[in-house]
Amino acid sequence: MSRRTEQVAELLHRLIGDAFSRDLEFPDGTLATISEVDVAPDLKHAIVFVSVLPFDRSEDVLAFLVRNKGRIKKEVNKHLTMKFAPDFRFELDARTETASQIEQLIDAEAQNQPTDTQA
């Protein structure tokens, strides 16, 4: 990624995160955060990776974000000084769920290990 795309990704991350916290009310019992923003080299498209807790409600939150995309874009575009505002789409970041599953497996395996009783 070039320096310019990194700068735009960081800016979008901050602006969309601000819109999340200031302008949206997520479905009850859910929390959504932006884990990463990947901007295309032409700066016209971006993928916004979203982590959702609890993970089993992630489809509900993603649908909520898609429904409110225009509202989010309007807020983001107010603060951009670029010639073209990047179009973005939301995708789920499953890394959080994968990490949680790995941690559960490790914990389960640790509980199944025989203890060392040699003295």
PDB file of N, CA and C in Angstrom:
ATOM      1  N   MET A   1       0.836  -1.164   0.000  1.00  0.00           N
ATOM      2  CA  MET A   1       0.000   0.000   0.000  1.00  0.00           C
ATOM      3  C   MET A   1       0.893   1.244   0.000  1.00  0.00           C
ATOM      4  N   SER A   2       0.542   2.193  -0.826  1.00  0.00           N
ATOM      5  CA  SER A   2       1.331   3.424  -0.894  1.00  0.00           C
ATOM      6  C   SER A   2       1.027   4.317   0.311  1.00  0.00           C
ATOM      7  N   ARG A   3       1.855   5.288   0.493  1.00  0.00           N
ATOM      8  CA  ARG A   3       1.660   6.206   1.624  1.00  0.00           C
ATOM      9  C   ARG A   3       0.309   6.919   1.521  1.00  0.00           C
ATOM     10  N   ARG A   4      -0.063   7.304   0.325  1.00  0.00           N
ATOM     11  CA  ARG A   4      -1.338   8.010   0.132  1.00  0.00           C
ATOM     12  C   ARG A   4      -2.530   7.121   0.477  1.00  0.00           C
ATOM     13  N   THR A   5      -2.512   5.867   0.017  1.00  0.00           N
ATOM     14  CA  THR A   5      -3.630   4.970   0.337  1.00  0.00           C
ATOM     15  C   THR A   5      -3.681   4.692   1.841  1.00  0.00           C
ATOM     16  N   GLU A   6      -2.517   4.605   2.485  1.00  0.00           N
ATOM     17  CA  GLU A   6      -2.495   4.415   3.936  1.00  0.00           C
ATOM     18  C   GLU A   6      -3.113   5.623   4.649  1.00  0.00           C
ATOM     19  N   GLN A   7      -2.790   6.816   4.182  1.00  0.00           N
ATOM     20  CA  GLN A   7      -3.358   8.024   4.784  1.00  0.00           C
ATOM     21  C   GLN A   7      -4.870   8.076   4.620  1.00  0.00           C
ATOM     22  N   VAL A   8      -5.345   7.735   3.429  1.00  0.00           N
ATOM     23  CA  VAL A   8      -6.787   7.750   3.177  1.00  0.00           C
ATOM     24  C   VAL A   8      -7.464   6.668   4.024  1.00  0.00           C
ATOM     25  N   ALA A   9      -6.849   5.500   4.135  1.00  0.00           N
ATOM     26  CA  ALA A   9      -7.412   4.419   4.954  1.00  0.00           C
ATOM     27  C   ALA A   9      -7.523   4.851   6.421  1.00  0.00           C
ATOM     28  N   GLU A  10      -6.478   5.482   6.945  1.00  0.00           N
ATOM     29  CA  GLU A  10      -6.504   5.955   8.331  1.00  0.00           C
ATOM     30  C   GLU A  10      -7.583   7.015   8.526  1.00  0.00           C
ATOM     31  N   LEU A  11      -7.711   7.921   7.568  1.00  0.00           N
ATOM     32  CA  LEU A  11      -8.720   8.966   7.659  1.00  0.00           C
ATOM     33  C   LEU A  11     -10.132   8.373   7.624  1.00  0.00           C
ATOM     34  N   LEU A  12     -10.374   7.456   6.703  1.00  0.00           N
ATOM     35  CA  LEU A  12     -11.681   6.804   6.633  1.00  0.00           C
ATOM     36  C   LEU A  12     -11.977   6.029   7.910  1.00  0.00           C
ATOM     37  N   HIS A  13     -10.971   5.354   8.437  1.00  0.00           N
ATOM     38  CA  HIS A  13     -11.132   4.600   9.687  1.00  0.00           C
ATOM     39  C   HIS A  13     -11.619   5.527  10.794  1.00  0.00           C
ATOM     40  N   ARG A  14     -10.985   6.675  10.917  1.00  0.00           N
ATOM     41  CA  ARG A  14     -11.343   7.630  11.967  1.00  0.00           C
ATOM     42  C   ARG A  14     -12.732   8.232  11.728  1.00  0.00           C
ATOM     43  N   LEU A  15     -13.004   8.661  10.496  1.00  0.00           N
ATOM     44  CA  LEU A  15     -14.275   9.320  10.200  1.00  0.00           C
ATOM     45  C   LEU A  15     -15.461   8.370  10.310  1.00  0.00           C
ATOM     46  N   ILE A  16     -15.308   7.147   9.815  1.00  0.00           N
ATOM     47  CA  ILE A  16     -16.403   6.188   9.911  1.00  0.00           C
ATOM     48  C   ILE A  16     -16.598   5.783  11.369  1.00  0.00           C
ATOM     49  N   GLY A  17     -15.498   5.628  12.100  1.00  0.00           N
ATOM     50  CA  GLY A  17     -15.597   5.328  13.532  1.00  0.00           C
ATOM     51  C   GLY A  17     -16.321   6.423  14.282  1.00  0.00           C
ATOM     52  N   ASP A  18     -16.039   7.679  13.937  1.00  0.00           N
ATOM     53  CA  ASP A  18     -16.755   8.801  14.554  1.00  0.00           C
ATOM     54  C   ASP A  18     -18.249   8.729  14.238  1.00  0.00           C
ATOM     55  N   ALA A  19     -18.574   8.404  12.992  1.00  0.00           N
ATOM     56  CA  ALA A  19     -19.987   8.282  12.607  1.00  0.00           C
ATOM     57  C   ALA A  19     -20.656   7.146  13.370  1.00  0.00           C
ATOM     58  N   PHE A  20     -19.931   6.041  13.579  1.00  0.00           N
ATOM     59  CA  PHE A  20     -20.466   4.921  14.355  1.00  0.00           C
ATOM     60  C   PHE A  20     -20.852   5.387  15.750  1.00  0.00           C
ATOM     61  N   SER A  21     -19.940   6.097  16.400  1.00  0.00           N
ATOM     62  CA  SER A  21     -20.171   6.458  17.798  1.00  0.00           C
ATOM     63  C   SER A  21     -21.118   7.643  17.956  1.00  0.00           C
ATOM     64  N   ARG A  22     -21.143   8.555  17.000  1.00  0.00           N
ATOM     65  CA  ARG A  22     -21.917   9.778  17.158  1.00  0.00           C
ATOM     66  C   ARG A  22     -23.304   9.687  16.528  1.00  0.00           C
ATOM     67  N   ASP A  23     -23.429   9.029  15.383  1.00  0.00           N
ATOM     68  CA  ASP A  23     -24.651   9.135  14.599  1.00  0.00           C
ATOM     69  C   ASP A  23     -25.503   7.872  14.509  1.00  0.00           C
ATOM     70  N   LEU A  24     -24.996   6.744  14.992  1.00  0.00           N
ATOM     71  CA  LEU A  24     -25.742   5.493  14.846  1.00  0.00           C
ATOM     72  C   LEU A  24     -26.076   4.870  16.202  1.00  0.00           C
ATOM     73  N   GLU A  25     -27.225   4.250  16.253  1.00  0.00           N
ATOM     74  CA  GLU A  25     -27.589   3.446  17.418  1.00  0.00           C
ATOM     75  C   GLU A  25     -27.722   2.010  16.933  1.00  0.00           C
ATOM     76  N   PHE A  26     -26.743   1.211  17.294  1.00  0.00           N
ATOM     77  CA  PHE A  26     -26.717  -0.177  16.853  1.00  0.00           C
ATOM     78  C   PHE A  26     -27.805  -0.974  17.558  1.00  0.00           C
ATOM     79  N   PRO A  27     -28.199  -2.113  16.978  1.00  0.00           N
ATOM     80  CA  PRO A  27     -29.212  -2.953  17.634  1.00  0.00           C
ATOM     81  C   PRO A  27     -28.810  -3.274  19.075  1.00  0.00           C
ATOM     82  N   ASP A  28     -29.803  -3.387  19.932  1.00  0.00           N
ATOM     83  CA  ASP A  28     -29.556  -3.647  21.352  1.00  0.00           C
ATOM     84  C   ASP A  28     -28.671  -4.865  21.567  1.00  0.00           C
ATOM     85  N   GLY A  29     -27.751  -4.717  22.492  1.00  0.00           N
ATOM     86  CA  GLY A  29     -26.879  -5.829  22.866  1.00  0.00           C
ATOM     87  C   GLY A  29     -25.753  -6.102  21.894  1.00  0.00           C
ATOM     88  N   THR A  30     -25.477  -5.167  20.988  1.00  0.00           N
ATOM     89  CA  THR A  30     -24.395  -5.385  20.028  1.00  0.00           C
ATOM     90  C   THR A  30     -23.381  -4.251  20.103  1.00  0.00           C
ATOM     91  N   LEU A  31     -22.177  -4.578  19.702  1.00  0.00           N
ATOM     92  CA  LEU A  31     -21.091  -3.612  19.628  1.00  0.00           C
ATOM     93  C   LEU A  31     -20.365  -3.847  18.317  1.00  0.00           C
ATOM     94  N   ALA A  32     -20.148  -2.774  17.572  1.00  0.00           N
ATOM     95  CA  ALA A  32     -19.435  -2.887  16.300  1.00  0.00           C
ATOM     96  C   ALA A  32     -18.275  -1.908  16.293  1.00  0.00           C
ATOM     97  N   THR A  33     -17.123  -2.390  15.855  1.00  0.00           N
ATOM     98  CA  THR A  33     -15.947  -1.547  15.723  1.00  0.00           C
ATOM     99  C   THR A  33     -15.310  -1.795  14.362  1.00  0.00           C
ATOM    100  N   ILE A  34     -14.597  -0.817  13.896  1.00  0.00           N
ATOM    101  CA  ILE A  34     -13.891  -0.952  12.624  1.00  0.00           C
ATOM    102  C   ILE A  34     -12.515  -1.515  12.932  1.00  0.00           C
ATOM    103  N   SER A  35     -12.215  -2.657  12.341  1.00  0.00           N
ATOM    104  CA  SER A  35     -10.918  -3.276  12.594  1.00  0.00           C
ATOM    105  C   SER A  35      -9.883  -2.874  11.550  1.00  0.00           C
ATOM    106  N   GLU A  36     -10.342  -2.585  10.341  1.00  0.00           N
ATOM    107  CA  GLU A  36      -9.397  -2.249   9.276  1.00  0.00           C
ATOM    108  C   GLU A  36     -10.144  -1.602   8.114  1.00  0.00           C
ATOM    109  N   VAL A  37      -9.460  -0.742   7.392  1.00  0.00           N
ATOM    110  CA  VAL A  37      -9.995  -0.165   6.157  1.00  0.00           C
ATOM    111  C   VAL A  37      -8.962  -0.409   5.067  1.00  0.00           C
ATOM    112  N   ASP A  38      -9.397  -1.013   3.974  1.00  0.00           N
ATOM    113  CA  ASP A  38      -8.517  -1.310   2.856  1.00  0.00           C
ATOM    114  C   ASP A  38      -8.961  -0.457   1.666  1.00  0.00           C
ATOM    115  N   VAL A  39      -8.088   0.440   1.220  1.00  0.00           N
ATOM    116  CA  VAL A  39      -8.410   1.372   0.144  1.00  0.00           C
ATOM    117  C   VAL A  39      -7.752   0.910  -1.148  1.00  0.00           C
ATOM    118  N   ALA A  40      -8.505   0.982  -2.237  1.00  0.00           N
ATOM    119  CA  ALA A  40      -7.971   0.617  -3.553  1.00  0.00           C
ATOM    120  C   ALA A  40      -6.915   1.630  -3.983  1.00  0.00           C
ATOM    121  N   PRO A  41      -5.960   1.212  -4.807  1.00  0.00           N
ATOM    122  CA  PRO A  41      -4.898   2.126  -5.249  1.00  0.00           C
ATOM    123  C   PRO A  41      -5.415   3.390  -5.947  1.00  0.00           C
ATOM    124  N   ASP A  42      -6.578   3.318  -6.611  1.00  0.00           N
ATOM    125  CA  ASP A  42      -7.120   4.511  -7.284  1.00  0.00           C
ATOM    126  C   ASP A  42      -7.895   5.419  -6.324  1.00  0.00           C
ATOM    127  N   LEU A  43      -7.990   5.027  -5.057  1.00  0.00           N
ATOM    128  CA  LEU A  43      -8.648   5.792  -3.993  1.00  0.00           C
ATOM    129  C   LEU A  43     -10.153   5.964  -4.205  1.00  0.00           C
ATOM    130  N   LYS A  44     -10.748   5.200  -5.104  1.00  0.00           N
ATOM    131  CA  LYS A  44     -12.182   5.350  -5.366  1.00  0.00           C
ATOM    132  C   LYS A  44     -13.044   4.339  -4.631  1.00  0.00           C
ATOM    133  N   HIS A  45     -12.422   3.289  -4.099  1.00  0.00           N
ATOM    134  CA  HIS A  45     -13.172   2.248  -3.407  1.00  0.00           C
ATOM    135  C   HIS A  45     -12.436   1.858  -2.130  1.00  0.00           C
ATOM    136  N   ALA A  46     -13.217   1.460  -1.136  1.00  0.00           N
ATOM    137  CA  ALA A  46     -12.627   0.995   0.114  1.00  0.00           C
ATOM    138  C   ALA A  46     -13.499  -0.100   0.707  1.00  0.00           C
ATOM    139  N   ILE A  47     -12.845  -1.026   1.391  1.00  0.00           N
ATOM    140  CA  ILE A  47     -13.545  -2.065   2.132  1.00  0.00           C
ATOM    141  C   ILE A  47     -13.344  -1.762   3.605  1.00  0.00           C
ATOM    142  N   VAL A  48     -14.448  -1.680   4.336  1.00  0.00           N
ATOM    143  CA  VAL A  48     -14.411  -1.399   5.765  1.00  0.00           C
ATOM    144  C   VAL A  48     -14.714  -2.708   6.487  1.00  0.00           C
ATOM    145  N   PHE A  49     -13.710  -3.241   7.192  1.00  0.00           N
ATOM    146  CA  PHE A  49     -13.882  -4.483   7.929  1.00  0.00           C
ATOM    147  C   PHE A  49     -14.394  -4.160   9.326  1.00  0.00           C
ATOM    148  N   VAL A  50     -15.494  -4.807   9.692  1.00  0.00           N
ATOM    149  CA  VAL A  50     -16.179  -4.515  10.941  1.00  0.00           C
ATOM    150  C   VAL A  50     -16.167  -5.762  11.830  1.00  0.00           C
ATOM    151  N   SER A  51     -15.778  -5.563  13.095  1.00  0.00           N
ATOM    152  CA  SER A  51     -15.851  -6.624  14.100  1.00  0.00           C
ATOM    153  C   SER A  51     -17.112  -6.402  14.915  1.00  0.00           C
ATOM    154  N   VAL A  52     -17.837  -7.477  15.160  1.00  0.00           N
ATOM    155  CA  VAL A  52     -19.110  -7.379  15.868  1.00  0.00           C
ATOM    156  C   VAL A  52     -19.098  -8.311  17.071  1.00  0.00           C
ATOM    157  N   LEU A  53     -19.576  -7.792  18.184  1.00  0.00           N
ATOM    158  CA  LEU A  53     -19.770  -8.600  19.392  1.00  0.00           C
ATOM    159  C   LEU A  53     -21.220  -8.496  19.805  1.00  0.00           C
ATOM    160  N   PRO A  54     -21.888  -9.555  20.122  1.00  0.00           N
ATOM    161  CA  PRO A  54     -21.495 -10.942  19.950  1.00  0.00           C
ATOM    162  C   PRO A  54     -21.508 -11.332  18.468  1.00  0.00           C
ATOM    163  N   PHE A  55     -20.640 -12.237  18.118  1.00  0.00           N
ATOM    164  CA  PHE A  55     -20.449 -12.581  16.713  1.00  0.00           C
ATOM    165  C   PHE A  55     -21.712 -13.157  16.079  1.00  0.00           C
ATOM    166  N   ASP A  56     -22.538 -13.835  16.860  1.00  0.00           N
ATOM    167  CA  ASP A  56     -23.747 -14.442  16.296  1.00  0.00           C
ATOM    168  C   ASP A  56     -24.780 -13.402  15.842  1.00  0.00           C
ATOM    169  N   ARG A  57     -24.593 -12.138  16.205  1.00  0.00           N
ATOM    170  CA  ARG A  57     -25.472 -11.052  15.763  1.00  0.00           C
ATOM    171  C   ARG A  57     -24.851 -10.249  14.629  1.00  0.00           C
ATOM    172  N   SER A  58     -23.741 -10.743  14.082  1.00  0.00           N
ATOM    173  CA  SER A  58     -23.002  -9.977  13.082  1.00  0.00           C
ATOM    174  C   SER A  58     -23.806  -9.729  11.807  1.00  0.00           C
ATOM    175  N   GLU A  59     -24.618 -10.670  11.385  1.00  0.00           N
ATOM    176  CA  GLU A  59     -25.416 -10.467  10.170  1.00  0.00           C
ATOM    177  C   GLU A  59     -26.440  -9.358  10.373  1.00  0.00           C
ATOM    178  N   ASP A  60     -27.030  -9.274  11.574  1.00  0.00           N
ATOM    179  CA  ASP A  60     -27.974  -8.196  11.881  1.00  0.00           C
ATOM    180  C   ASP A  60     -27.282  -6.838  11.810  1.00  0.00           C
ATOM    181  N   VAL A  61     -26.083  -6.752  12.390  1.00  0.00           N
ATOM    182  CA  VAL A  61     -25.352  -5.494  12.402  1.00  0.00           C
ATOM    183  C   VAL A  61     -24.905  -5.119  10.993  1.00  0.00           C
ATOM    184  N   LEU A  62     -24.463  -6.096  10.219  1.00  0.00           N
ATOM    185  CA  LEU A  62     -24.049  -5.810   8.839  1.00  0.00           C
ATOM    186  C   LEU A  62     -25.237  -5.287   8.021  1.00  0.00           C
ATOM    187  N   ALA A  63     -26.392  -5.901   8.179  1.00  0.00           N
ATOM    188  CA  ALA A  63     -27.586  -5.424   7.478  1.00  0.00           C
ATOM    189  C   ALA A  63     -27.939  -4.001   7.929  1.00  0.00           C
ATOM    190  N   PHE A  64     -27.793  -3.716   9.210  1.00  0.00           N
ATOM    191  CA  PHE A  64     -28.033  -2.378   9.743  1.00  0.00           C
ATOM    192  C   PHE A  64     -27.087  -1.365   9.098  1.00  0.00           C
ATOM    193  N   LEU A  65     -25.812  -1.733   8.971  1.00  0.00           N
ATOM    194  CA  LEU A  65     -24.829  -0.830   8.359  1.00  0.00           C
ATOM    195  C   LEU A  65     -25.130  -0.584   6.887  1.00  0.00           C
ATOM    196  N   VAL A  66     -25.535  -1.612   6.190  1.00  0.00           N
ATOM    197  CA  VAL A  66     -25.869  -1.459   4.770  1.00  0.00           C
ATOM    198  C   VAL A  66     -27.071  -0.521   4.616  1.00  0.00           C
ATOM    199  N   ARG A  67     -28.081  -0.680   5.499  1.00  0.00           N
ATOM    200  CA  ARG A  67     -29.249   0.203   5.449  1.00  0.00           C
ATOM    201  C   ARG A  67     -28.873   1.659   5.738  1.00  0.00           C
ATOM    202  N   ASN A  68     -27.881   1.876   6.577  1.00  0.00           N
ATOM    203  CA  ASN A  68     -27.484   3.220   6.985  1.00  0.00           C
ATOM    204  C   ASN A  68     -26.244   3.741   6.255  1.00  0.00           C
ATOM    205  N   LYS A  69     -25.841   3.071   5.195  1.00  0.00           N
ATOM    206  CA  LYS A  69     -24.622   3.444   4.477  1.00  0.00           C
ATOM    207  C   LYS A  69     -24.692   4.869   3.943  1.00  0.00           C
ATOM    208  N   GLY A  70     -25.816   5.272   3.400  1.00  0.00           N
ATOM    209  CA  GLY A  70     -25.956   6.626   2.868  1.00  0.00           C
ATOM    210  C   GLY A  70     -25.762   7.675   3.951  1.00  0.00           C
ATOM    211  N   ARG A  71     -26.317   7.427   5.093  1.00  0.00           N
ATOM    212  CA  ARG A  71     -26.178   8.343   6.231  1.00  0.00           C
ATOM    213  C   ARG A  71     -24.713   8.443   6.679  1.00  0.00           C
ATOM    214  N   ILE A  72     -24.041   7.297   6.716  1.00  0.00           N
ATOM    215  CA  ILE A  72     -22.629   7.272   7.109  1.00  0.00           C
ATOM    216  C   ILE A  72     -21.790   8.012   6.075  1.00  0.00           C
ATOM    217  N   LYS A  73     -22.035   7.731   4.781  1.00  0.00           N
ATOM    218  CA  LYS A  73     -21.276   8.403   3.716  1.00  0.00           C
ATOM    219  C   LYS A  73     -21.465   9.909   3.768  1.00  0.00           C
ATOM    220  N   LYS A  74     -22.677  10.357   4.046  1.00  0.00           N
ATOM    221  CA  LYS A  74     -22.945  11.791   4.124  1.00  0.00           C
ATOM    222  C   LYS A  74     -22.099  12.430   5.220  1.00  0.00           C
ATOM    223  N   GLU A  75     -22.035  11.793   6.381  1.00  0.00           N
ATOM    224  CA  GLU A  75     -21.233  12.318   7.489  1.00  0.00           C
ATOM    225  C   GLU A  75     -19.743  12.305   7.158  1.00  0.00           C
ATOM    226  N   VAL A  76     -19.281  11.223   6.550  1.00  0.00           N
ATOM    227  CA  VAL A  76     -17.864  11.106   6.191  1.00  0.00           C
ATOM    228  C   VAL A  76     -17.491  12.151   5.145  1.00  0.00           C
ATOM    229  N   ASN A  77     -18.341  12.317   4.133  1.00  0.00           N
ATOM    230  CA  ASN A  77     -18.037  13.244   3.035  1.00  0.00           C
ATOM    231  C   ASN A  77     -17.968  14.696   3.491  1.00  0.00           C
ATOM    232  N   LYS A  78     -18.647  15.029   4.591  1.00  0.00           N
ATOM    233  CA  LYS A  78     -18.579  16.392   5.127  1.00  0.00           C
ATOM    234  C   LYS A  78     -17.155  16.768   5.526  1.00  0.00           C
ATOM    235  N   HIS A  79     -16.356  15.756   5.892  1.00  0.00           N
ATOM    236  CA  HIS A  79     -15.027  16.019   6.434  1.00  0.00           C
ATOM    237  C   HIS A  79     -13.896  15.674   5.473  1.00  0.00           C
ATOM    238  N   LEU A  80     -14.231  15.214   4.276  1.00  0.00           N
ATOM    239  CA  LEU A  80     -13.213  14.878   3.287  1.00  0.00           C
ATOM    240  C   LEU A  80     -12.940  16.070   2.383  1.00  0.00           C
ATOM    241  N   THR A  81     -11.689  16.255   2.039  1.00  0.00           N
ATOM    242  CA  THR A  81     -11.319  17.334   1.120  1.00  0.00           C
ATOM    243  C   THR A  81     -10.752  16.771  -0.181  1.00  0.00           C
ATOM    244  N   MET A  82     -11.059  15.525  -0.451  1.00  0.00           N
ATOM    245  CA  MET A  82     -10.567  14.872  -1.658  1.00  0.00           C
ATOM    246  C   MET A  82     -11.463  15.228  -2.846  1.00  0.00           C
ATOM    247  N   LYS A  83     -10.911  15.128  -4.046  1.00  0.00           N
ATOM    248  CA  LYS A  83     -11.681  15.405  -5.253  1.00  0.00           C
ATOM    249  C   LYS A  83     -12.842  14.430  -5.379  1.00  0.00           C
ATOM    250  N   PHE A  84     -12.564  13.138  -5.152  1.00  0.00           N
ATOM    251  CA  PHE A  84     -13.591  12.104  -5.186  1.00  0.00           C
ATOM    252  C   PHE A  84     -13.627  11.416  -3.829  1.00  0.00           C
ATOM    253  N   ALA A  85     -14.787  11.325  -3.254  1.00  0.00           N
ATOM    254  CA  ALA A  85     -14.927  10.594  -1.995  1.00  0.00           C
ATOM    255  C   ALA A  85     -14.994   9.105  -2.323  1.00  0.00           C
ATOM    256  N   PRO A  86     -14.188   8.291  -1.654  1.00  0.00           N
ATOM    257  CA  PRO A  86     -14.213   6.855  -1.939  1.00  0.00           C
ATOM    258  C   PRO A  86     -15.561   6.232  -1.594  1.00  0.00           C
ATOM    259  N   ASP A  87     -16.004   5.339  -2.452  1.00  0.00           N
ATOM    260  CA  ASP A  87     -17.184   4.538  -2.142  1.00  0.00           C
ATOM    261  C   ASP A  87     -16.703   3.392  -1.269  1.00  0.00           C
ATOM    262  N   PHE A  88     -17.445   3.047  -0.241  1.00  0.00           N
ATOM    263  CA  PHE A  88     -16.993   1.956   0.614  1.00  0.00           C
ATOM    264  C   PHE A  88     -18.101   0.939   0.823  1.00  0.00           C
ATOM    265  N   ARG A  89     -17.674  -0.259   1.151  1.00  0.00           N
ATOM    266  CA  ARG A  89     -18.619  -1.322   1.486  1.00  0.00           C
ATOM    267  C   ARG A  89     -18.154  -1.967   2.784  1.00  0.00           C
ATOM    268  N   PHE A  90     -19.115  -2.483   3.516  1.00  0.00           N
ATOM    269  CA  PHE A  90     -18.831  -3.110   4.800  1.00  0.00           C
ATOM    270  C   PHE A  90     -18.711  -4.614   4.635  1.00  0.00           C
ATOM    271  N   GLU A  91     -17.713  -5.183   5.299  1.00  0.00           N
ATOM    272  CA  GLU A  91     -17.546  -6.633   5.349  1.00  0.00           C
ATOM    273  C   GLU A  91     -17.247  -7.016   6.781  1.00  0.00           C
ATOM    274  N   LEU A  92     -17.677  -8.217   7.141  1.00  0.00           N
ATOM    275  CA  LEU A  92     -17.403  -8.708   8.488  1.00  0.00           C
ATOM    276  C   LEU A  92     -15.955  -9.136   8.620  1.00  0.00           C
ATOM    277  N   ASP A  93     -15.368  -8.804   9.729  1.00  0.00           N
ATOM    278  CA  ASP A  93     -14.020  -9.257  10.042  1.00  0.00           C
ATOM    279  C   ASP A  93     -14.164 -10.447  10.973  1.00  0.00           C
ATOM    280  N   ALA A  94     -13.931 -11.623  10.438  1.00  0.00           N
ATOM    281  CA  ALA A  94     -14.121 -12.853  11.208  1.00  0.00           C
ATOM    282  C   ALA A  94     -12.908 -13.200  12.057  1.00  0.00           C
ATOM    283  N   ARG A  95     -11.883 -12.379  12.030  1.00  0.00           N
ATOM    284  CA  ARG A  95     -10.681 -12.682  12.814  1.00  0.00           C
ATOM    285  C   ARG A  95     -10.976 -12.746  14.306  1.00  0.00           C
ATOM    286  N   THR A  96     -11.871 -11.897  14.785  1.00  0.00           N
ATOM    287  CA  THR A  96     -12.218 -11.901  16.201  1.00  0.00           C
ATOM    288  C   THR A  96     -12.851 -13.229  16.588  1.00  0.00           C
ATOM    289  N   GLU A  97     -13.771 -13.707  15.776  1.00  0.00           N
ATOM    290  CA  GLU A  97     -14.433 -14.979  16.065  1.00  0.00           C
ATOM    291  C   GLU A  97     -13.439 -16.133  15.968  1.00  0.00           C
ATOM    292  N   THR A  98     -12.572 -16.111  14.971  1.00  0.00           N
ATOM    293  CA  THR A  98     -11.570 -17.166  14.828  1.00  0.00           C
ATOM    294  C   THR A  98     -10.638 -17.190  16.028  1.00  0.00           C
ATOM    295  N   ALA A  99     -10.198 -16.029  16.476  1.00  0.00           N
ATOM    296  CA  ALA A  99      -9.320 -15.951  17.647  1.00  0.00           C
ATOM    297  C   ALA A  99     -10.028 -16.474  18.890  1.00  0.00           C
ATOM    298  N   SER A 100     -11.302 -16.164  19.025  1.00  0.00           N
ATOM    299  CA  SER A 100     -12.076 -16.643  20.174  1.00  0.00           C
ATOM    300  C   SER A 100     -12.197 -18.170  20.147  1.00  0.00           C
ATOM    301  N   GLN A 101     -12.436 -18.727  18.973  1.00  0.00           N
ATOM    302  CA  GLN A 101     -12.542 -20.185  18.844  1.00  0.00           C
ATOM    303  C   GLN A 101     -11.214 -20.863  19.170  1.00  0.00           C
ATOM    304  N   ILE A 102     -10.110 -20.295  18.717  1.00  0.00           N
ATOM    305  CA  ILE A 102      -8.788 -20.857  19.004  1.00  0.00           C
ATOM    306  C   ILE A 102      -8.514 -20.807  20.503  1.00  0.00           C
ATOM    307  N   GLU A 103      -8.863 -19.692  21.120  1.00  0.00           N
ATOM    308  CA  GLU A 103      -8.657 -19.548  22.564  1.00  0.00           C
ATOM    309  C   GLU A 103      -9.482 -20.578  23.332  1.00  0.00           C
ATOM    310  N   GLN A 104     -10.721 -20.819  22.909  1.00  0.00           N
ATOM    311  CA  GLN A 104     -11.558 -21.821  23.564  1.00  0.00           C
ATOM    312  C   GLN A 104     -10.959 -23.218  23.412  1.00  0.00           C
ATOM    313  N   LEU A 105     -10.424 -23.528  22.240  1.00  0.00           N
ATOM    314  CA  LEU A 105      -9.801 -24.830  22.019  1.00  0.00           C
ATOM    315  C   LEU A 105      -8.569 -25.011  22.900  1.00  0.00           C
ATOM    316  N   ILE A 106      -7.772 -23.961  23.012  1.00  0.00           N
ATOM    317  CA  ILE A 106      -6.575 -24.023  23.855  1.00  0.00           C
ATOM    318  C   ILE A 106      -6.966 -24.213  25.307  1.00  0.00           C
ATOM    319  N   ASP A 107      -7.975 -23.482  25.765  1.00  0.00           N
ATOM    320  CA  ASP A 107      -8.441 -23.623  27.147  1.00  0.00           C
ATOM    321  C   ASP A 107      -8.974 -25.035  27.402  1.00  0.00           C
ATOM    322  N   ALA A 108      -9.739 -25.565  26.454  1.00  0.00           N
ATOM    323  CA  ALA A 108     -10.287 -26.915  26.610  1.00  0.00           C
ATOM    324  C   ALA A 108      -9.172 -27.948  26.651  1.00  0.00           C
ATOM    325  N   GLU A 109      -8.172 -27.777  25.804  1.00  0.00           N
ATOM    326  CA  GLU A 109      -7.040 -28.711  25.780  1.00  0.00           C
ATOM    327  C   GLU A 109      -6.237 -28.610  27.068  1.00  0.00           C
ATOM    328  N   ALA A 110      -6.061 -27.418  27.587  1.00  0.00           N
ATOM    329  CA  ALA A 110      -5.312 -27.236  28.839  1.00  0.00           C
ATOM    330  C   ALA A 110      -6.023 -27.905  30.006  1.00  0.00           C
ATOM    331  N   GLN A 111      -7.338 -27.905  29.995  1.00  0.00           N
ATOM    332  CA  GLN A 111      -8.105 -28.557  31.060  1.00  0.00           C
ATOM    333  C   GLN A 111      -8.035 -30.078  30.949  1.00  0.00           C
ATOM    334  N   ASN A 112      -7.811 -30.579  29.749  1.00  0.00           N
ATOM    335  CA  ASN A 112      -7.744 -32.022  29.538  1.00  0.00           C
ATOM    336  C   ASN A 112      -6.354 -32.596  29.771  1.00  0.00           C
ATOM    337  N   GLN A 113      -5.343 -31.749  29.949  1.00  0.00           N
ATOM    338  CA  GLN A 113      -3.973 -32.210  30.158  1.00  0.00           C
ATOM    339  C   GLN A 113      -3.846 -32.832  31.544  1.00  0.00           C
ATOM    340  N   PRO A 114      -3.197 -34.001  31.639  1.00  0.00           N
ATOM    341  CA  PRO A 114      -2.970 -34.592  32.960  1.00  0.00           C
ATOM    342  C   PRO A 114      -1.958 -33.736  33.730  1.00  0.00           C
ATOM    343  N   THR A 115      -2.180 -33.613  35.004  1.00  0.00           N
ATOM    344  CA  THR A 115      -1.257 -32.835  35.817  1.00  0.00           C
ATOM    345  C   THR A 115      -0.036 -33.699  36.155  1.00  0.00           C
ATOM    346  N   ASP A 116       1.077 -33.069  36.322  1.00  0.00           N
ATOM    347  CA  ASP A 116       2.338 -33.753  36.648  1.00  0.00           C
ATOM    348  C   ASP A 116       2.350 -34.023  38.150  1.00  0.00           C
ATOM    349  N   THR A 117       2.236 -35.306  38.541  1.00  0.00           N
ATOM    350  CA  THR A 117       2.156 -35.633  39.981  1.00  0.00           C
ATOM    351  C   THR A 117       3.449 -36.250  40.481  1.00  0.00           C
ATOM    352  N   GLN A 118       4.502 -36.190  39.684  1.00  0.00           N
ATOM    353  CA  GLN A 118       5.768 -36.743  40.138  1.00  0.00           C
ATOM    354  C   GLN A 118       6.402 -35.789  41.137  1.00  0.00           C
ATOM    355  N   ALA A 119       6.985 -36.376  42.210  1.00  0.00           N
ATOM    356  CA  ALA A 119       7.623 -35.546  43.226  1.00  0.00           C
ATOM    357  C   ALA A 119       9.105 -35.746  43.240  1.00  0.00           C
TER     358      ALA A 119
END
